[in-house]
Amino acid sequence: MTATDQPEREPHPTDRRAKQIVLTPTGKRRRATAVELLGAESPLTSLTATQQQALRDLLHAMAETQD
C-alpha cells in the first residue's frame, strides 16, 4: 500500500492476532502539516463579533445565489 502513500497494516507488537495501522513517512509529514495549520491562529479572530456575523451573512448570501 505504500506506493499510494496509504497507511500500512503491521503486526501489533504484543498481540499476534491483531494488526495496527501506521502512517507512511509521507502520511506523518502530512499529519504534522495539518496539526500545524490547525494550531495556527485564524485571521478571522481579528474581526469583531459583529464583523464576523456580517461576513457569515455575506457568505451565506453568495452561496444562495450559486444555487
PDB file of N, CA and C in Angstrom:
ATOM      1  N   MET A   1       0.811  -1.206   0.000  1.00  0.00           N
ATOM      2  CA  MET A   1       0.000   0.000   0.000  1.00  0.00           C
ATOM      3  C   MET A   1       0.849   1.263   0.000  1.00  0.00           C
ATOM      4  N   THR A   2       2.109   1.180   0.268  1.00  0.00           N
ATOM      5  CA  THR A   2       2.923   2.382   0.370  1.00  0.00           C
ATOM      6  C   THR A   2       3.100   3.091  -0.962  1.00  0.00           C
ATOM      7  N   ALA A   3       2.890   2.395  -2.060  1.00  0.00           N
ATOM      8  CA  ALA A   3       3.043   3.043  -3.360  1.00  0.00           C
ATOM      9  C   ALA A   3       2.069   4.197  -3.517  1.00  0.00           C
ATOM     10  N   THR A   4       0.923   4.126  -2.860  1.00  0.00           N
ATOM     11  CA  THR A   4      -0.064   5.193  -2.943  1.00  0.00           C
ATOM     12  C   THR A   4      -0.087   6.044  -1.676  1.00  0.00           C
ATOM     13  N   ASP A   5       0.932   5.885  -0.837  1.00  0.00           N
ATOM     14  CA  ASP A   5       1.037   6.633   0.419  1.00  0.00           C
ATOM     15  C   ASP A   5      -0.141   6.404   1.343  1.00  0.00           C
ATOM     16  N   GLN A   6      -0.721   5.232   1.271  1.00  0.00           N
ATOM     17  CA  GLN A   6      -1.806   4.869   2.169  1.00  0.00           C
ATOM     18  C   GLN A   6      -1.219   4.325   3.470  1.00  0.00           C
ATOM     19  N   PRO A   7      -1.975   4.382   4.552  1.00  0.00           N
ATOM     20  CA  PRO A   7      -1.491   3.783   5.800  1.00  0.00           C
ATOM     21  C   PRO A   7      -1.175   2.303   5.587  1.00  0.00           C
ATOM     22  N   GLU A   8      -0.238   1.807   6.372  1.00  0.00           N
ATOM     23  CA  GLU A   8       0.176   0.415   6.260  1.00  0.00           C
ATOM     24  C   GLU A   8      -0.372  -0.395   7.431  1.00  0.00           C
ATOM     25  N   ARG A   9      -0.611  -1.658   7.178  1.00  0.00           N
ATOM     26  CA  ARG A   9      -1.003  -2.582   8.246  1.00  0.00           C
ATOM     27  C   ARG A   9       0.244  -3.338   8.681  1.00  0.00           C
ATOM     28  N   GLU A  10       0.498  -3.340   9.973  1.00  0.00           N
ATOM     29  CA  GLU A  10       1.649  -4.048  10.530  1.00  0.00           C
ATOM     30  C   GLU A  10       1.185  -4.902  11.692  1.00  0.00           C
ATOM     31  N   PRO A  11       1.934  -5.940  11.998  1.00  0.00           N
ATOM     32  CA  PRO A  11       1.569  -6.745  13.169  1.00  0.00           C
ATOM     33  C   PRO A  11       1.637  -5.902  14.440  1.00  0.00           C
ATOM     34  N   HIS A  12       0.721  -6.163  15.350  1.00  0.00           N
ATOM     35  CA  HIS A  12       0.736  -5.485  16.643  1.00  0.00           C
ATOM     36  C   HIS A  12       1.936  -6.008  17.421  1.00  0.00           C
ATOM     37  N   PRO A  13       2.653  -5.135  18.138  1.00  0.00           N
ATOM     38  CA  PRO A  13       3.877  -5.589  18.803  1.00  0.00           C
ATOM     39  C   PRO A  13       3.662  -6.601  19.932  1.00  0.00           C
ATOM     40  N   THR A  14       2.479  -6.609  20.554  1.00  0.00           N
ATOM     41  CA  THR A  14       2.270  -7.529  21.683  1.00  0.00           C
ATOM     42  C   THR A  14       1.111  -8.497  21.486  1.00  0.00           C
ATOM     43  N   ASP A  15       0.312  -8.304  20.444  1.00  0.00           N
ATOM     44  CA  ASP A  15      -0.853  -9.174  20.207  1.00  0.00           C
ATOM     45  C   ASP A  15      -0.746  -9.753  18.800  1.00  0.00           C
ATOM     46  N   ARG A  16      -0.361 -11.018  18.702  1.00  0.00           N
ATOM     47  CA  ARG A  16      -0.153 -11.646  17.397  1.00  0.00           C
ATOM     48  C   ARG A  16      -1.425 -11.696  16.561  1.00  0.00           C
ATOM     49  N   ARG A  17      -2.572 -11.639  17.197  1.00  0.00           N
ATOM     50  CA  ARG A  17      -3.838 -11.722  16.464  1.00  0.00           C
ATOM     51  C   ARG A  17      -4.224 -10.409  15.809  1.00  0.00           C
ATOM     52  N   ALA A  18      -3.649  -9.330  16.265  1.00  0.00           N
ATOM     53  CA  ALA A  18      -4.092  -8.001  15.827  1.00  0.00           C
ATOM     54  C   ALA A  18      -3.117  -7.381  14.843  1.00  0.00           C
ATOM     55  N   LYS A  19      -3.642  -6.486  14.057  1.00  0.00           N
ATOM     56  CA  LYS A  19      -2.846  -5.644  13.166  1.00  0.00           C
ATOM     57  C   LYS A  19      -3.011  -4.210  13.637  1.00  0.00           C
ATOM     58  N   GLN A  20      -2.022  -3.398  13.371  1.00  0.00           N
ATOM     59  CA  GLN A  20      -2.149  -1.972  13.665  1.00  0.00           C
ATOM     60  C   GLN A  20      -1.930  -1.196  12.384  1.00  0.00           C
ATOM     61  N   ILE A  21      -2.565  -0.068  12.305  1.00  0.00           N
ATOM     62  CA  ILE A  21      -2.453   0.805  11.143  1.00  0.00           C
ATOM     63  C   ILE A  21      -1.414   1.873  11.471  1.00  0.00           C
ATOM     64  N   VAL A  22      -0.435   2.019  10.590  1.00  0.00           N
ATOM     65  CA  VAL A  22       0.619   3.021  10.814  1.00  0.00           C
ATOM     66  C   VAL A  22       0.730   3.909   9.581  1.00  0.00           C
ATOM     67  N   LEU A  23       1.123   5.139   9.808  1.00  0.00           N
ATOM     68  CA  LEU A  23       1.299   6.088   8.712  1.00  0.00           C
ATOM     69  C   LEU A  23       2.631   5.857   8.008  1.00  0.00           C
ATOM     70  N   THR A  24       2.638   6.121   6.727  1.00  0.00           N
ATOM     71  CA  THR A  24       3.886   6.123   5.964  1.00  0.00           C
ATOM     72  C   THR A  24       4.627   7.410   6.303  1.00  0.00           C
ATOM     73  N   PRO A  25       5.880   7.528   5.917  1.00  0.00           N
ATOM     74  CA  PRO A  25       6.590   8.799   6.159  1.00  0.00           C
ATOM     75  C   PRO A  25       5.858  10.001   5.541  1.00  0.00           C
ATOM     76  N   THR A  26       5.288   9.820   4.352  1.00  0.00           N
ATOM     77  CA  THR A  26       4.516  10.905   3.734  1.00  0.00           C
ATOM     78  C   THR A  26       3.308  11.238   4.586  1.00  0.00           C
ATOM     79  N   GLY A  27       2.626  10.223   5.083  1.00  0.00           N
ATOM     80  CA  GLY A  27       1.467  10.438   5.947  1.00  0.00           C
ATOM     81  C   GLY A  27       1.834  11.172   7.226  1.00  0.00           C
ATOM     82  N   LYS A  28       2.986  10.839   7.797  1.00  0.00           N
ATOM     83  CA  LYS A  28       3.438  11.524   9.007  1.00  0.00           C
ATOM     84  C   LYS A  28       3.714  12.996   8.737  1.00  0.00           C
ATOM     85  N   ARG A  29       4.321  13.285   7.582  1.00  0.00           N
ATOM     86  CA  ARG A  29       4.578  14.690   7.224  1.00  0.00           C
ATOM     87  C   ARG A  29       3.268  15.443   7.015  1.00  0.00           C
ATOM     88  N   ARG A  30       2.327  14.802   6.350  1.00  0.00           N
ATOM     89  CA  ARG A  30       1.022  15.447   6.115  1.00  0.00           C
ATOM     90  C   ARG A  30       0.286  15.689   7.423  1.00  0.00           C
ATOM     91  N   ARG A  31       0.355  14.721   8.338  1.00  0.00           N
ATOM     92  CA  ARG A  31      -0.286  14.895   9.644  1.00  0.00           C
ATOM     93  C   ARG A  31       0.346  16.066  10.373  1.00  0.00           C
ATOM     94  N   ALA A  32       1.678  16.169  10.353  1.00  0.00           N
ATOM     95  CA  ALA A  32       2.359  17.271  11.033  1.00  0.00           C
ATOM     96  C   ALA A  32       1.944  18.618  10.445  1.00  0.00           C
ATOM     97  N   THR A  33       1.821  18.673   9.130  1.00  0.00           N
ATOM     98  CA  THR A  33       1.395  19.919   8.474  1.00  0.00           C
ATOM     99  C   THR A  33      -0.031  20.270   8.888  1.00  0.00           C
ATOM    100  N   ALA A  34      -0.912  19.280   8.914  1.00  0.00           N
ATOM    101  CA  ALA A  34      -2.308  19.524   9.302  1.00  0.00           C
ATOM    102  C   ALA A  34      -2.399  20.012  10.744  1.00  0.00           C
ATOM    103  N   VAL A  35      -1.650  19.384  11.635  1.00  0.00           N
ATOM    104  CA  VAL A  35      -1.672  19.798  13.037  1.00  0.00           C
ATOM    105  C   VAL A  35      -1.154  21.227  13.174  1.00  0.00           C
ATOM    106  N   GLU A  36      -0.115  21.553  12.426  1.00  0.00           N
ATOM    107  CA  GLU A  36       0.427  22.911  12.462  1.00  0.00           C
ATOM    108  C   GLU A  36      -0.608  23.927  11.974  1.00  0.00           C
ATOM    109  N   LEU A  37      -1.286  23.597  10.886  1.00  0.00           N
ATOM    110  CA  LEU A  37      -2.297  24.513  10.344  1.00  0.00           C
ATOM    111  C   LEU A  37      -3.475  24.668  11.300  1.00  0.00           C
ATOM    112  N   LEU A  38      -3.878  23.583  11.942  1.00  0.00           N
ATOM    113  CA  LEU A  38      -4.996  23.655  12.882  1.00  0.00           C
ATOM    114  C   LEU A  38      -4.650  24.476  14.117  1.00  0.00           C
ATOM    115  N   GLY A  39      -3.380  24.512  14.454  1.00  0.00           N
ATOM    116  CA  GLY A  39      -2.953  25.275  15.618  1.00  0.00           C
ATOM    117  C   GLY A  39      -2.704  26.738  15.323  1.00  0.00           C
ATOM    118  N   ALA A  40      -2.657  27.089  14.047  1.00  0.00           N
ATOM    119  CA  ALA A  40      -2.398  28.481  13.679  1.00  0.00           C
ATOM    120  C   ALA A  40      -3.601  29.351  14.018  1.00  0.00           C
ATOM    121  N   GLU A  41      -3.332  30.569  14.386  1.00  0.00           N
ATOM    122  CA  GLU A  41      -4.422  31.484  14.709  1.00  0.00           C
ATOM    123  C   GLU A  41      -5.114  31.922  13.428  1.00  0.00           C
ATOM    124  N   SER A  42      -6.402  31.908  13.452  1.00  0.00           N
ATOM    125  CA  SER A  42      -7.184  32.297  12.290  1.00  0.00           C
ATOM    126  C   SER A  42      -7.124  33.808  12.094  1.00  0.00           C
ATOM    127  N   PRO A  43      -7.010  34.245  10.846  1.00  0.00           N
ATOM    128  CA  PRO A  43      -7.039  35.690  10.599  1.00  0.00           C
ATOM    129  C   PRO A  43      -8.398  36.293  10.936  1.00  0.00           C
ATOM    130  N   LEU A  44      -9.406  35.461  11.053  1.00  0.00           N
ATOM    131  CA  LEU A  44     -10.747  35.962  11.375  1.00  0.00           C
ATOM    132  C   LEU A  44     -10.870  36.384  12.838  1.00  0.00           C
ATOM    133  N   THR A  45      -9.930  35.966  13.683  1.00  0.00           N
ATOM    134  CA  THR A  45     -10.026  36.343  15.096  1.00  0.00           C
ATOM    135  C   THR A  45      -9.806  37.836  15.306  1.00  0.00           C
ATOM    136  N   SER A  46      -9.231  38.512  14.309  1.00  0.00           N
ATOM    137  CA  SER A  46      -9.040  39.958  14.444  1.00  0.00           C
ATOM    138  C   SER A  46     -10.340  40.723  14.196  1.00  0.00           C
ATOM    139  N   LEU A  47     -11.353  40.041  13.651  1.00  0.00           N
ATOM    140  CA  LEU A  47     -12.650  40.684  13.413  1.00  0.00           C
ATOM    141  C   LEU A  47     -13.478  40.695  14.688  1.00  0.00           C
ATOM    142  N   THR A  48     -14.279  41.728  14.847  1.00  0.00           N
ATOM    143  CA  THR A  48     -15.194  41.763  15.981  1.00  0.00           C
ATOM    144  C   THR A  48     -16.317  40.755  15.725  1.00  0.00           C
ATOM    145  N   ALA A  49     -17.091  40.471  16.756  1.00  0.00           N
ATOM    146  CA  ALA A  49     -18.211  39.545  16.602  1.00  0.00           C
ATOM    147  C   ALA A  49     -19.197  40.060  15.556  1.00  0.00           C
ATOM    148  N   THR A  50     -19.413  41.359  15.525  1.00  0.00           N
ATOM    149  CA  THR A  50     -20.320  41.955  14.539  1.00  0.00           C
ATOM    150  C   THR A  50     -19.769  41.787  13.127  1.00  0.00           C
ATOM    151  N   GLN A  51     -18.478  42.000  12.964  1.00  0.00           N
ATOM    152  CA  GLN A  51     -17.857  41.831  11.655  1.00  0.00           C
ATOM    153  C   GLN A  51     -17.899  40.357  11.209  1.00  0.00           C
ATOM    154  N   GLN A  52     -17.670  39.448  12.140  1.00  0.00           N
ATOM    155  CA  GLN A  52     -17.737  38.024  11.813  1.00  0.00           C
ATOM    156  C   GLN A  52     -19.147  37.637  11.362  1.00  0.00           C
ATOM    157  N   GLN A  53     -20.152  38.170  12.041  1.00  0.00           N
ATOM    158  CA  GLN A  53     -21.532  37.880  11.659  1.00  0.00           C
ATOM    159  C   GLN A  53     -21.834  38.453  10.283  1.00  0.00           C
ATOM    160  N   ALA A  54     -21.363  39.659  10.012  1.00  0.00           N
ATOM    161  CA  ALA A  54     -21.574  40.272   8.703  1.00  0.00           C
ATOM    162  C   ALA A  54     -20.917  39.437   7.607  1.00  0.00           C
ATOM    163  N   LEU A  55     -19.722  38.931   7.874  1.00  0.00           N
ATOM    164  CA  LEU A  55     -19.040  38.077   6.910  1.00  0.00           C
ATOM    165  C   LEU A  55     -19.824  36.793   6.666  1.00  0.00           C
ATOM    166  N   ARG A  56     -20.323  36.176   7.741  1.00  0.00           N
ATOM    167  CA  ARG A  56     -21.155  34.958   7.594  1.00  0.00           C
ATOM    168  C   ARG A  56     -22.375  35.250   6.737  1.00  0.00           C
ATOM    169  N   ASP A  57     -23.029  36.374   7.017  1.00  0.00           N
ATOM    170  CA  ASP A  57     -24.226  36.733   6.254  1.00  0.00           C
ATOM    171  C   ASP A  57     -23.898  36.918   4.770  1.00  0.00           C
ATOM    172  N   LEU A  58     -22.803  37.599   4.478  1.00  0.00           N
ATOM    173  CA  LEU A  58     -22.400  37.796   3.085  1.00  0.00           C
ATOM    174  C   LEU A  58     -22.076  36.465   2.404  1.00  0.00           C
ATOM    175  N   LEU A  59     -21.368  35.592   3.094  1.00  0.00           N
ATOM    176  CA  LEU A  59     -21.021  34.293   2.500  1.00  0.00           C
ATOM    177  C   LEU A  59     -22.266  33.449   2.260  1.00  0.00           C
ATOM    178  N   HIS A  60     -23.218  33.489   3.197  1.00  0.00           N
ATOM    179  CA  HIS A  60     -24.474  32.766   3.009  1.00  0.00           C
ATOM    180  C   HIS A  60     -25.225  33.322   1.790  1.00  0.00           C
ATOM    181  N   ALA A  61     -25.271  34.639   1.678  1.00  0.00           N
ATOM    182  CA  ALA A  61     -25.965  35.262   0.551  1.00  0.00           C
ATOM    183  C   ALA A  61     -25.299  34.871  -0.772  1.00  0.00           C
ATOM    184  N   MET A  62     -23.982  34.853  -0.801  1.00  0.00           N
ATOM    185  CA  MET A  62     -23.262  34.445  -2.001  1.00  0.00           C
ATOM    186  C   MET A  62     -23.555  32.984  -2.353  1.00  0.00           C
ATOM    187  N   ALA A  63     -23.589  32.133  -1.342  1.00  0.00           N
ATOM    188  CA  ALA A  63     -23.845  30.716  -1.565  1.00  0.00           C
ATOM    189  C   ALA A  63     -25.260  30.492  -2.121  1.00  0.00           C
ATOM    190  N   GLU A  64     -26.205  31.273  -1.627  1.00  0.00           N
ATOM    191  CA  GLU A  64     -27.579  31.118  -2.103  1.00  0.00           C
ATOM    192  C   GLU A  64     -27.719  31.525  -3.564  1.00  0.00           C
ATOM    193  N   THR A  65     -26.936  32.499  -4.013  1.00  0.00           N
ATOM    194  CA  THR A  65     -27.033  32.915  -5.418  1.00  0.00           C
ATOM    195  C   THR A  65     -26.394  31.889  -6.348  1.00  0.00           C
ATOM    196  N   GLN A  66     -25.578  30.994  -5.801  1.00  0.00           N
ATOM    197  CA  GLN A  66     -24.929  29.956  -6.620  1.00  0.00           C
ATOM    198  C   GLN A  66     -25.872  28.778  -6.907  1.00  0.00           C
ATOM    199  N   ASP A  67     -26.959  28.674  -6.157  1.00  0.00           N
ATOM    200  CA  ASP A  67     -27.897  27.546  -6.336  1.00  0.00           C
ATOM    201  C   ASP A  67     -28.750  27.703  -7.538  1.00  0.00           C
TER     202      ASP A  67
END
